[in-house]
Amino acid sequence: MADVGRGLKRILIEGLGWTLVVVGIAALVLPGPGLLALFAGLALLATQYDWAEKRLAPVRVRALQTAADSVSSWGRIAVSLFGVVFLTAAGFFWGLGPEAPTWWPVADRFWLMGGWSAGATMIASALIALATIVYSYKNYRGEEGRRRLERAQRKTAEDSGYTDFDAHDAGADRPADPVEDRAS
C-alpha cells in the first residue's frame, strides 16, 4: 500500500511540475510570472530527476536577478504597482460584464467573454504580482538587497556547480563593499 501512495505522490509531483514548466514557458512571452512558474516547475521536477536539478540553477540565478532588477528604481516599482492596479480594475470590469458598446463590431455574446471566472483570474494575477513586488522589495532593494542577491547567486553556483552566468549576474560590476571584504 505504501508503494501505491509513493507512486501516486510521484505522479502528482511530476504532473504539477510539468504543468508549471509549460505555463512558465508560455508566460515568458504572454502576460504572467514566467520565470516564477518555470522555477517552481523545475523545483518540483528536481525532486524526481537529476537533469531538472541541473537546469534549476540557471533559472534560479536569472529569477533572482529579475526580482532585484524589478525593484532597482522607484520608476520600475511605480510602473509595476500601476500594472497591479490596472489588472485589478480590469478584473472587476470584466467580472461585472457591462453591456457591449454600440461600436462593438461582432455579436454581443463575444463582448468580455468569461465573466467572473476571467475577472477573478485577473484579480488573482494582480495579487500574485503584488506579493512578488513586496517580496522583491523587502529582499532585494538597496545595498543590503544587492549583497543578499550576490550571496544567493554564489550559493546557487557552489551548490550546483553552475558557473555559466555573466559578471553582472553575480554583481561583479558593482563596487566592492569594504565592510564585506574585511569580514572575509
N, C-alpha and C. Protein backbone atom coordinates (compact mmCIF):
# COMPACT_ATOMS: atom_id res chain seq x y z
N MET A 1 0.82 -1.20 0.00
CA MET A 1 0.00 0.00 0.00
C MET A 1 0.87 1.26 0.00
N ALA A 2 2.02 1.20 0.68
CA ALA A 2 2.92 2.35 0.71
C ALA A 2 3.46 2.66 -0.68
N ASP A 3 3.69 1.59 -1.49
CA ASP A 3 4.17 1.80 -2.86
C ASP A 3 3.14 2.53 -3.70
N VAL A 4 1.87 2.25 -3.49
CA VAL A 4 0.81 2.93 -4.23
C VAL A 4 0.80 4.42 -3.87
N GLY A 5 0.92 4.71 -2.59
CA GLY A 5 0.95 6.10 -2.15
C GLY A 5 2.16 6.84 -2.69
N ARG A 6 3.31 6.18 -2.68
CA ARG A 6 4.52 6.78 -3.21
C ARG A 6 4.40 7.02 -4.72
N GLY A 7 3.82 6.05 -5.41
CA GLY A 7 3.63 6.19 -6.85
C GLY A 7 2.66 7.32 -7.18
N LEU A 8 1.58 7.42 -6.41
CA LEU A 8 0.61 8.49 -6.62
C LEU A 8 1.25 9.85 -6.35
N LYS A 9 2.05 9.93 -5.29
CA LYS A 9 2.73 11.18 -4.97
C LYS A 9 3.67 11.58 -6.11
N ARG A 10 4.40 10.61 -6.66
CA ARG A 10 5.32 10.90 -7.75
C ARG A 10 4.56 11.40 -8.98
N ILE A 11 3.44 10.76 -9.30
CA ILE A 11 2.64 11.18 -10.45
C ILE A 11 2.13 12.61 -10.26
N LEU A 12 1.66 12.92 -9.05
CA LEU A 12 1.14 14.26 -8.78
C LEU A 12 2.25 15.32 -8.87
N ILE A 13 3.42 15.01 -8.30
CA ILE A 13 4.53 15.95 -8.35
C ILE A 13 4.98 16.17 -9.79
N GLU A 14 5.13 15.10 -10.54
CA GLU A 14 5.56 15.24 -11.93
C GLU A 14 4.51 15.97 -12.76
N GLY A 15 3.24 15.64 -12.56
CA GLY A 15 2.18 16.32 -13.32
C GLY A 15 2.15 17.81 -13.04
N LEU A 16 2.22 18.18 -11.77
CA LEU A 16 2.23 19.59 -11.41
C LEU A 16 3.51 20.27 -11.90
N GLY A 17 4.64 19.58 -11.78
CA GLY A 17 5.90 20.14 -12.25
C GLY A 17 5.88 20.44 -13.73
N TRP A 18 5.45 19.47 -14.53
CA TRP A 18 5.40 19.67 -15.98
C TRP A 18 4.39 20.76 -16.36
N THR A 19 3.26 20.80 -15.65
CA THR A 19 2.26 21.84 -15.92
C THR A 19 2.86 23.22 -15.67
N LEU A 20 3.56 23.38 -14.55
CA LEU A 20 4.18 24.67 -14.24
C LEU A 20 5.28 25.03 -15.24
N VAL A 21 6.03 24.05 -15.71
CA VAL A 21 7.07 24.32 -16.72
C VAL A 21 6.42 24.83 -18.01
N VAL A 22 5.37 24.17 -18.47
CA VAL A 22 4.69 24.58 -19.71
C VAL A 22 4.07 25.96 -19.54
N VAL A 23 3.39 26.20 -18.41
CA VAL A 23 2.79 27.51 -18.15
C VAL A 23 3.89 28.57 -18.05
N GLY A 24 4.99 28.24 -17.41
CA GLY A 24 6.10 29.19 -17.29
C GLY A 24 6.69 29.56 -18.62
N ILE A 25 6.89 28.58 -19.49
CA ILE A 25 7.42 28.87 -20.82
C ILE A 25 6.45 29.75 -21.60
N ALA A 26 5.15 29.44 -21.51
CA ALA A 26 4.15 30.26 -22.19
C ALA A 26 4.14 31.68 -21.63
N ALA A 27 4.28 31.80 -20.32
CA ALA A 27 4.23 33.12 -19.68
C ALA A 27 5.49 33.95 -19.91
N LEU A 28 6.52 33.35 -20.48
CA LEU A 28 7.69 34.15 -20.84
C LEU A 28 7.35 35.12 -21.97
N VAL A 29 6.41 34.73 -22.84
CA VAL A 29 6.01 35.59 -23.94
C VAL A 29 4.60 36.14 -23.77
N LEU A 30 3.82 35.55 -22.88
CA LEU A 30 2.47 36.03 -22.58
C LEU A 30 2.51 36.71 -21.21
N PRO A 31 1.47 37.45 -20.87
CA PRO A 31 1.45 38.07 -19.54
C PRO A 31 1.43 37.01 -18.44
N GLY A 32 2.25 37.20 -17.45
CA GLY A 32 2.28 36.28 -16.33
C GLY A 32 3.69 36.10 -15.79
N PRO A 33 3.78 35.49 -14.63
CA PRO A 33 5.09 35.30 -13.99
C PRO A 33 5.82 34.09 -14.56
N GLY A 34 6.39 34.24 -15.75
CA GLY A 34 7.01 33.12 -16.46
C GLY A 34 8.16 32.48 -15.73
N LEU A 35 9.14 33.29 -15.30
CA LEU A 35 10.30 32.72 -14.60
C LEU A 35 9.89 32.07 -13.29
N LEU A 36 8.92 32.67 -12.61
CA LEU A 36 8.48 32.12 -11.34
C LEU A 36 7.84 30.75 -11.54
N ALA A 37 6.96 30.62 -12.52
CA ALA A 37 6.32 29.33 -12.78
C ALA A 37 7.33 28.30 -13.28
N LEU A 38 8.24 28.74 -14.14
CA LEU A 38 9.26 27.83 -14.65
C LEU A 38 10.15 27.34 -13.52
N PHE A 39 10.55 28.24 -12.65
CA PHE A 39 11.37 27.87 -11.49
C PHE A 39 10.62 26.89 -10.59
N ALA A 40 9.36 27.17 -10.30
CA ALA A 40 8.57 26.29 -9.44
C ALA A 40 8.42 24.90 -10.07
N GLY A 41 8.17 24.86 -11.37
CA GLY A 41 8.05 23.57 -12.06
C GLY A 41 9.34 22.78 -12.04
N LEU A 42 10.45 23.46 -12.33
CA LEU A 42 11.75 22.77 -12.28
C LEU A 42 12.10 22.33 -10.86
N ALA A 43 11.72 23.13 -9.88
CA ALA A 43 11.99 22.74 -8.49
C ALA A 43 11.25 21.45 -8.14
N LEU A 44 10.01 21.33 -8.58
CA LEU A 44 9.26 20.10 -8.34
C LEU A 44 9.87 18.92 -9.11
N LEU A 45 10.21 19.15 -10.37
CA LEU A 45 10.79 18.07 -11.17
C LEU A 45 12.17 17.67 -10.65
N ALA A 46 12.89 18.62 -10.03
CA ALA A 46 14.22 18.32 -9.50
C ALA A 46 14.15 17.32 -8.36
N THR A 47 13.01 17.19 -7.73
CA THR A 47 12.87 16.18 -6.67
C THR A 47 12.80 14.77 -7.26
N GLN A 48 12.57 14.68 -8.57
CA GLN A 48 12.42 13.39 -9.23
C GLN A 48 13.52 13.09 -10.25
N TYR A 49 14.10 14.13 -10.83
CA TYR A 49 15.04 13.96 -11.94
C TYR A 49 16.32 14.75 -11.71
N ASP A 50 17.47 14.14 -11.99
CA ASP A 50 18.76 14.83 -11.88
C ASP A 50 18.90 15.92 -12.94
N TRP A 51 18.40 15.67 -14.15
CA TRP A 51 18.53 16.66 -15.22
C TRP A 51 17.80 17.95 -14.84
N ALA A 52 16.68 17.85 -14.16
CA ALA A 52 15.93 19.04 -13.76
C ALA A 52 16.68 19.83 -12.69
N GLU A 53 17.34 19.10 -11.81
CA GLU A 53 18.12 19.76 -10.76
C GLU A 53 19.25 20.58 -11.37
N LYS A 54 19.88 20.05 -12.43
CA LYS A 54 20.97 20.77 -13.09
C LYS A 54 20.47 22.03 -13.81
N ARG A 55 19.26 21.97 -14.33
CA ARG A 55 18.72 23.12 -15.06
C ARG A 55 18.07 24.14 -14.13
N LEU A 56 17.90 23.79 -12.89
CA LEU A 56 17.28 24.69 -11.93
C LEU A 56 18.19 25.85 -11.58
N ALA A 57 19.48 25.63 -11.49
CA ALA A 57 20.42 26.68 -11.07
C ALA A 57 20.39 27.91 -11.98
N PRO A 58 20.50 27.76 -13.31
CA PRO A 58 20.48 28.98 -14.13
C PRO A 58 19.15 29.73 -14.05
N VAL A 59 18.05 28.99 -13.93
CA VAL A 59 16.75 29.64 -13.81
C VAL A 59 16.66 30.40 -12.49
N ARG A 60 17.19 29.79 -11.43
CA ARG A 60 17.17 30.45 -10.12
C ARG A 60 18.02 31.72 -10.15
N VAL A 61 19.19 31.66 -10.74
CA VAL A 61 20.06 32.83 -10.83
C VAL A 61 19.36 33.94 -11.59
N ARG A 62 18.75 33.60 -12.71
CA ARG A 62 18.06 34.62 -13.53
C ARG A 62 16.83 35.16 -12.81
N ALA A 63 16.08 34.31 -12.13
CA ALA A 63 14.89 34.76 -11.39
C ALA A 63 15.28 35.72 -10.28
N LEU A 64 16.36 35.42 -9.57
CA LEU A 64 16.82 36.32 -8.51
C LEU A 64 17.24 37.67 -9.08
N GLN A 65 17.95 37.64 -10.22
CA GLN A 65 18.38 38.89 -10.85
C GLN A 65 17.18 39.70 -11.32
N THR A 66 16.18 39.04 -11.89
CA THR A 66 14.98 39.73 -12.34
C THR A 66 14.23 40.34 -11.17
N ALA A 67 14.15 39.62 -10.05
CA ALA A 67 13.49 40.15 -8.86
C ALA A 67 14.20 41.41 -8.37
N ALA A 68 15.52 41.38 -8.37
CA ALA A 68 16.29 42.55 -7.93
C ALA A 68 16.13 43.71 -8.91
N ASP A 69 16.18 43.43 -10.20
CA ASP A 69 16.03 44.48 -11.21
C ASP A 69 14.66 45.14 -11.14
N SER A 70 13.64 44.36 -10.80
CA SER A 70 12.28 44.89 -10.79
C SER A 70 12.05 45.95 -9.72
N VAL A 71 12.90 45.99 -8.71
CA VAL A 71 12.76 47.00 -7.65
C VAL A 71 14.00 47.89 -7.56
N SER A 72 14.76 47.97 -8.65
CA SER A 72 16.00 48.72 -8.63
C SER A 72 15.78 50.23 -8.66
N SER A 73 14.62 50.69 -9.09
CA SER A 73 14.34 52.12 -9.11
C SER A 73 12.88 52.36 -8.75
N TRP A 74 12.62 53.57 -8.29
CA TRP A 74 11.23 53.91 -7.93
C TRP A 74 10.34 53.92 -9.17
N GLY A 75 10.91 54.25 -10.33
CA GLY A 75 10.12 54.22 -11.56
C GLY A 75 9.62 52.83 -11.89
N ARG A 76 10.49 51.83 -11.75
CA ARG A 76 10.09 50.45 -12.02
C ARG A 76 9.03 49.98 -11.02
N ILE A 77 9.21 50.36 -9.77
CA ILE A 77 8.23 49.98 -8.74
C ILE A 77 6.88 50.63 -9.05
N ALA A 78 6.90 51.91 -9.42
CA ALA A 78 5.66 52.62 -9.73
C ALA A 78 4.94 52.00 -10.92
N VAL A 79 5.69 51.69 -11.97
CA VAL A 79 5.07 51.07 -13.15
C VAL A 79 4.48 49.70 -12.78
N SER A 80 5.20 48.94 -11.97
CA SER A 80 4.70 47.63 -11.55
C SER A 80 3.42 47.76 -10.73
N LEU A 81 3.41 48.72 -9.82
CA LEU A 81 2.20 48.93 -8.99
C LEU A 81 1.04 49.44 -9.84
N PHE A 82 1.33 50.28 -10.84
CA PHE A 82 0.28 50.71 -11.76
C PHE A 82 -0.30 49.49 -12.49
N GLY A 83 0.56 48.57 -12.89
CA GLY A 83 0.09 47.35 -13.55
C GLY A 83 -0.82 46.53 -12.64
N VAL A 84 -0.48 46.47 -11.36
CA VAL A 84 -1.32 45.74 -10.39
C VAL A 84 -2.70 46.40 -10.30
N VAL A 85 -2.72 47.73 -10.17
CA VAL A 85 -3.99 48.45 -10.07
C VAL A 85 -4.80 48.27 -11.35
N PHE A 86 -4.15 48.41 -12.49
CA PHE A 86 -4.84 48.26 -13.77
C PHE A 86 -5.43 46.85 -13.92
N LEU A 87 -4.65 45.84 -13.58
CA LEU A 87 -5.11 44.46 -13.71
C LEU A 87 -6.28 44.18 -12.77
N THR A 88 -6.22 44.72 -11.56
CA THR A 88 -7.33 44.55 -10.62
C THR A 88 -8.59 45.23 -11.15
N ALA A 89 -8.45 46.45 -11.63
CA ALA A 89 -9.61 47.18 -12.17
C ALA A 89 -10.18 46.45 -13.39
N ALA A 90 -9.30 45.96 -14.25
CA ALA A 90 -9.77 45.22 -15.44
C ALA A 90 -10.50 43.96 -15.02
N GLY A 91 -10.02 43.30 -13.97
CA GLY A 91 -10.69 42.09 -13.48
C GLY A 91 -12.10 42.38 -12.99
N PHE A 92 -12.26 43.46 -12.23
CA PHE A 92 -13.60 43.82 -11.76
C PHE A 92 -14.50 44.25 -12.91
N PHE A 93 -13.95 45.03 -13.83
CA PHE A 93 -14.71 45.46 -15.00
C PHE A 93 -15.18 44.26 -15.80
N TRP A 94 -14.25 43.32 -16.03
CA TRP A 94 -14.56 42.12 -16.80
C TRP A 94 -15.62 41.29 -16.09
N GLY A 95 -15.47 41.16 -14.77
CA GLY A 95 -16.42 40.36 -14.00
C GLY A 95 -17.81 40.95 -14.00
N LEU A 96 -17.90 42.27 -13.90
CA LEU A 96 -19.21 42.92 -13.89
C LEU A 96 -19.89 42.81 -15.25
N GLY A 97 -19.09 42.68 -16.30
CA GLY A 97 -19.60 42.44 -17.65
C GLY A 97 -20.62 43.45 -18.13
N PRO A 98 -20.22 44.70 -18.29
CA PRO A 98 -21.18 45.69 -18.80
C PRO A 98 -21.62 45.33 -20.22
N GLU A 99 -22.70 45.94 -20.62
CA GLU A 99 -23.23 45.65 -21.96
C GLU A 99 -22.22 46.06 -23.03
N ALA A 100 -22.31 45.38 -24.16
CA ALA A 100 -21.40 45.68 -25.27
C ALA A 100 -21.69 47.08 -25.79
N PRO A 101 -20.65 47.85 -26.09
CA PRO A 101 -20.86 49.20 -26.63
C PRO A 101 -21.41 49.15 -28.05
N THR A 102 -21.94 50.24 -28.48
CA THR A 102 -22.55 50.28 -29.83
C THR A 102 -21.52 50.12 -30.93
N TRP A 103 -20.27 50.48 -30.67
CA TRP A 103 -19.24 50.36 -31.69
C TRP A 103 -18.71 48.93 -31.83
N TRP A 104 -19.10 48.01 -30.94
CA TRP A 104 -18.61 46.63 -30.96
C TRP A 104 -19.05 45.98 -32.27
N PRO A 105 -18.09 45.50 -33.10
CA PRO A 105 -18.43 45.05 -34.46
C PRO A 105 -19.01 43.64 -34.57
N VAL A 106 -18.88 42.81 -33.54
CA VAL A 106 -19.37 41.43 -33.64
C VAL A 106 -20.53 41.23 -32.67
N ALA A 107 -21.05 40.03 -32.63
CA ALA A 107 -22.21 39.74 -31.78
C ALA A 107 -21.91 40.08 -30.32
N ASP A 108 -22.92 40.56 -29.61
CA ASP A 108 -22.76 40.97 -28.21
C ASP A 108 -22.24 39.85 -27.32
N ARG A 109 -22.55 38.61 -27.66
CA ARG A 109 -22.12 37.49 -26.80
C ARG A 109 -20.59 37.35 -26.76
N PHE A 110 -19.87 37.98 -27.69
CA PHE A 110 -18.41 37.92 -27.72
C PHE A 110 -17.76 39.08 -26.96
N TRP A 111 -18.55 39.93 -26.32
CA TRP A 111 -18.01 41.06 -25.53
C TRP A 111 -17.65 40.56 -24.14
N LEU A 112 -16.39 40.69 -23.77
CA LEU A 112 -15.89 40.30 -22.45
C LEU A 112 -16.32 38.89 -22.06
N MET A 113 -15.96 37.93 -22.89
CA MET A 113 -16.30 36.53 -22.62
C MET A 113 -15.60 36.05 -21.36
N GLY A 114 -16.24 35.21 -20.62
CA GLY A 114 -15.62 34.61 -19.44
C GLY A 114 -16.21 35.10 -18.13
N GLY A 115 -16.74 36.29 -18.10
CA GLY A 115 -17.39 36.80 -16.90
C GLY A 115 -16.47 36.81 -15.69
N TRP A 116 -17.02 36.37 -14.55
CA TRP A 116 -16.26 36.42 -13.31
C TRP A 116 -15.10 35.44 -13.26
N SER A 117 -15.17 34.35 -14.00
CA SER A 117 -14.03 33.44 -13.97
C SER A 117 -12.80 34.10 -14.58
N ALA A 118 -12.97 34.83 -15.68
CA ALA A 118 -11.85 35.56 -16.27
C ALA A 118 -11.45 36.73 -15.38
N GLY A 119 -12.43 37.45 -14.84
CA GLY A 119 -12.14 38.58 -13.96
C GLY A 119 -11.41 38.16 -12.70
N ALA A 120 -11.83 37.05 -12.11
CA ALA A 120 -11.18 36.56 -10.89
C ALA A 120 -9.75 36.13 -11.17
N THR A 121 -9.51 35.58 -12.34
CA THR A 121 -8.15 35.19 -12.72
C THR A 121 -7.26 36.43 -12.82
N MET A 122 -7.78 37.50 -13.38
CA MET A 122 -7.01 38.75 -13.48
C MET A 122 -6.72 39.30 -12.08
N ILE A 123 -7.71 39.28 -11.22
CA ILE A 123 -7.52 39.79 -9.86
C ILE A 123 -6.51 38.93 -9.11
N ALA A 124 -6.59 37.62 -9.26
CA ALA A 124 -5.63 36.72 -8.62
C ALA A 124 -4.22 36.98 -9.15
N SER A 125 -4.09 37.21 -10.45
CA SER A 125 -2.78 37.52 -11.04
C SER A 125 -2.24 38.82 -10.47
N ALA A 126 -3.11 39.80 -10.26
CA ALA A 126 -2.68 41.07 -9.68
C ALA A 126 -2.19 40.86 -8.25
N LEU A 127 -2.86 40.01 -7.49
CA LEU A 127 -2.43 39.74 -6.11
C LEU A 127 -1.08 39.03 -6.09
N ILE A 128 -0.89 38.09 -7.00
CA ILE A 128 0.41 37.40 -7.10
C ILE A 128 1.50 38.39 -7.46
N ALA A 129 1.20 39.28 -8.42
CA ALA A 129 2.18 40.31 -8.81
C ALA A 129 2.51 41.22 -7.63
N LEU A 130 1.49 41.62 -6.87
CA LEU A 130 1.73 42.47 -5.71
C LEU A 130 2.60 41.76 -4.67
N ALA A 131 2.30 40.50 -4.41
CA ALA A 131 3.11 39.74 -3.46
C ALA A 131 4.55 39.62 -3.94
N THR A 132 4.75 39.43 -5.23
CA THR A 132 6.10 39.34 -5.79
C THR A 132 6.83 40.67 -5.66
N ILE A 133 6.14 41.78 -5.90
CA ILE A 133 6.76 43.10 -5.76
C ILE A 133 7.18 43.33 -4.31
N VAL A 134 6.29 43.03 -3.37
CA VAL A 134 6.60 43.22 -1.95
C VAL A 134 7.78 42.34 -1.54
N TYR A 135 7.77 41.07 -1.95
CA TYR A 135 8.87 40.16 -1.63
C TYR A 135 10.19 40.69 -2.19
N SER A 136 10.18 41.10 -3.44
CA SER A 136 11.40 41.61 -4.07
C SER A 136 11.87 42.87 -3.39
N TYR A 137 10.96 43.75 -3.03
CA TYR A 137 11.33 45.00 -2.36
C TYR A 137 11.97 44.71 -1.01
N LYS A 138 11.36 43.83 -0.24
CA LYS A 138 11.88 43.52 1.09
C LYS A 138 13.23 42.81 1.04
N ASN A 139 13.44 41.99 0.02
CA ASN A 139 14.65 41.17 -0.02
C ASN A 139 15.76 41.69 -0.91
N TYR A 140 15.46 42.49 -1.93
CA TYR A 140 16.49 42.84 -2.91
C TYR A 140 16.63 44.33 -3.19
N ARG A 141 15.98 45.17 -2.44
CA ARG A 141 16.09 46.63 -2.65
C ARG A 141 17.25 47.18 -1.83
N GLY A 142 18.03 48.07 -2.40
CA GLY A 142 19.10 48.73 -1.68
C GLY A 142 20.38 47.91 -1.62
N GLU A 143 21.34 48.44 -0.89
CA GLU A 143 22.67 47.83 -0.82
C GLU A 143 22.62 46.46 -0.14
N GLU A 144 21.89 46.35 0.94
CA GLU A 144 21.78 45.06 1.63
C GLU A 144 21.11 44.03 0.72
N GLY A 145 20.12 44.46 -0.06
CA GLY A 145 19.46 43.58 -1.01
C GLY A 145 20.40 43.07 -2.08
N ARG A 146 21.29 43.95 -2.57
CA ARG A 146 22.27 43.53 -3.57
C ARG A 146 23.23 42.49 -2.98
N ARG A 147 23.65 42.71 -1.73
CA ARG A 147 24.53 41.72 -1.10
C ARG A 147 23.80 40.40 -0.91
N ARG A 148 22.54 40.46 -0.52
CA ARG A 148 21.75 39.23 -0.36
C ARG A 148 21.62 38.51 -1.69
N LEU A 149 21.39 39.25 -2.77
CA LEU A 149 21.30 38.67 -4.11
C LEU A 149 22.61 37.98 -4.49
N GLU A 150 23.72 38.67 -4.28
CA GLU A 150 25.02 38.10 -4.62
C GLU A 150 25.29 36.82 -3.83
N ARG A 151 24.97 36.83 -2.54
CA ARG A 151 25.17 35.62 -1.72
C ARG A 151 24.31 34.46 -2.23
N ALA A 152 23.06 34.75 -2.56
CA ALA A 152 22.17 33.70 -3.05
C ALA A 152 22.66 33.15 -4.38
N GLN A 153 23.14 34.02 -5.26
CA GLN A 153 23.64 33.56 -6.55
C GLN A 153 24.92 32.74 -6.38
N ARG A 154 25.81 33.18 -5.50
CA ARG A 154 27.04 32.41 -5.26
C ARG A 154 26.72 31.04 -4.66
N LYS A 155 25.79 31.02 -3.71
CA LYS A 155 25.40 29.74 -3.09
C LYS A 155 24.81 28.80 -4.13
N THR A 156 23.97 29.34 -5.02
CA THR A 156 23.40 28.52 -6.09
C THR A 156 24.50 27.96 -6.96
N ALA A 157 25.47 28.79 -7.32
CA ALA A 157 26.58 28.35 -8.16
C ALA A 157 27.41 27.28 -7.46
N GLU A 158 27.70 27.48 -6.18
CA GLU A 158 28.50 26.50 -5.43
C GLU A 158 27.77 25.18 -5.26
N ASP A 159 26.48 25.25 -4.92
CA ASP A 159 25.70 24.03 -4.68
C ASP A 159 25.52 23.19 -5.93
N SER A 160 25.41 23.86 -7.09
CA SER A 160 25.08 23.13 -8.31
C SER A 160 26.26 22.97 -9.26
N GLY A 161 27.32 23.72 -9.03
CA GLY A 161 28.43 23.70 -9.97
C GLY A 161 28.16 24.58 -11.18
N TYR A 162 27.05 25.29 -11.17
CA TYR A 162 26.68 26.18 -12.28
C TYR A 162 27.55 27.43 -12.23
N THR A 163 28.30 27.67 -13.29
CA THR A 163 29.18 28.84 -13.32
C THR A 163 28.96 29.67 -14.58
N ASP A 164 27.97 29.35 -15.36
CA ASP A 164 27.78 30.00 -16.65
C ASP A 164 26.83 31.19 -16.56
N PHE A 165 27.10 32.12 -15.66
CA PHE A 165 26.37 33.37 -15.67
C PHE A 165 27.38 34.50 -15.68
N ASP A 166 26.99 35.59 -16.33
CA ASP A 166 27.98 36.65 -16.54
C ASP A 166 28.25 37.43 -15.25
N ALA A 167 29.24 38.28 -15.32
CA ALA A 167 29.68 39.01 -14.14
C ALA A 167 28.58 39.90 -13.59
N HIS A 168 27.72 40.45 -14.47
CA HIS A 168 26.63 41.31 -13.99
C HIS A 168 25.69 40.53 -13.08
N ASP A 169 25.40 39.28 -13.46
CA ASP A 169 24.51 38.46 -12.64
C ASP A 169 25.07 38.26 -11.24
N ALA A 170 26.37 38.15 -11.13
CA ALA A 170 27.00 37.93 -9.82
C ALA A 170 27.28 39.23 -9.09
N GLY A 171 26.98 40.36 -9.73
CA GLY A 171 27.19 41.64 -9.09
C GLY A 171 28.62 42.14 -9.19
N ALA A 172 29.43 41.55 -10.08
CA ALA A 172 30.83 41.94 -10.17
C ALA A 172 31.01 43.33 -10.75
N ASP A 173 29.97 43.88 -11.40
CA ASP A 173 30.10 45.21 -11.96
C ASP A 173 29.85 46.30 -10.92
N ARG A 174 29.52 45.92 -9.73
CA ARG A 174 29.28 46.88 -8.65
C ARG A 174 30.56 47.04 -7.84
N PRO A 175 30.74 48.19 -7.23
CA PRO A 175 31.95 48.37 -6.42
C PRO A 175 31.96 47.42 -5.23
N ALA A 176 33.13 46.99 -4.86
CA ALA A 176 33.27 46.07 -3.73
C ALA A 176 32.85 46.77 -2.46
N ASP A 177 32.28 46.02 -1.54
CA ASP A 177 31.87 46.55 -0.25
C ASP A 177 33.02 46.33 0.71
N PRO A 178 33.66 47.42 1.20
CA PRO A 178 34.82 47.24 2.07
C PRO A 178 34.49 46.52 3.37
N VAL A 179 33.29 46.69 3.89
CA VAL A 179 32.90 46.01 5.13
C VAL A 179 32.85 44.51 4.90
N GLU A 180 32.22 44.10 3.77
CA GLU A 180 32.10 42.68 3.48
C GLU A 180 33.47 42.08 3.19
N ASP A 181 34.38 42.85 2.52
CA ASP A 181 35.71 42.35 2.21
C ASP A 181 36.51 42.09 3.48
N ARG A 182 36.39 42.96 4.47
CA ARG A 182 37.12 42.75 5.73
C ARG A 182 36.61 41.53 6.47
N ALA A 183 35.31 41.24 6.33
CA ALA A 183 34.73 40.10 7.05
C ALA A 183 35.18 38.78 6.45
N SER A 184 35.64 38.77 5.20
CA SER A 184 36.03 37.52 4.54
C SER A 184 37.32 36.99 5.05
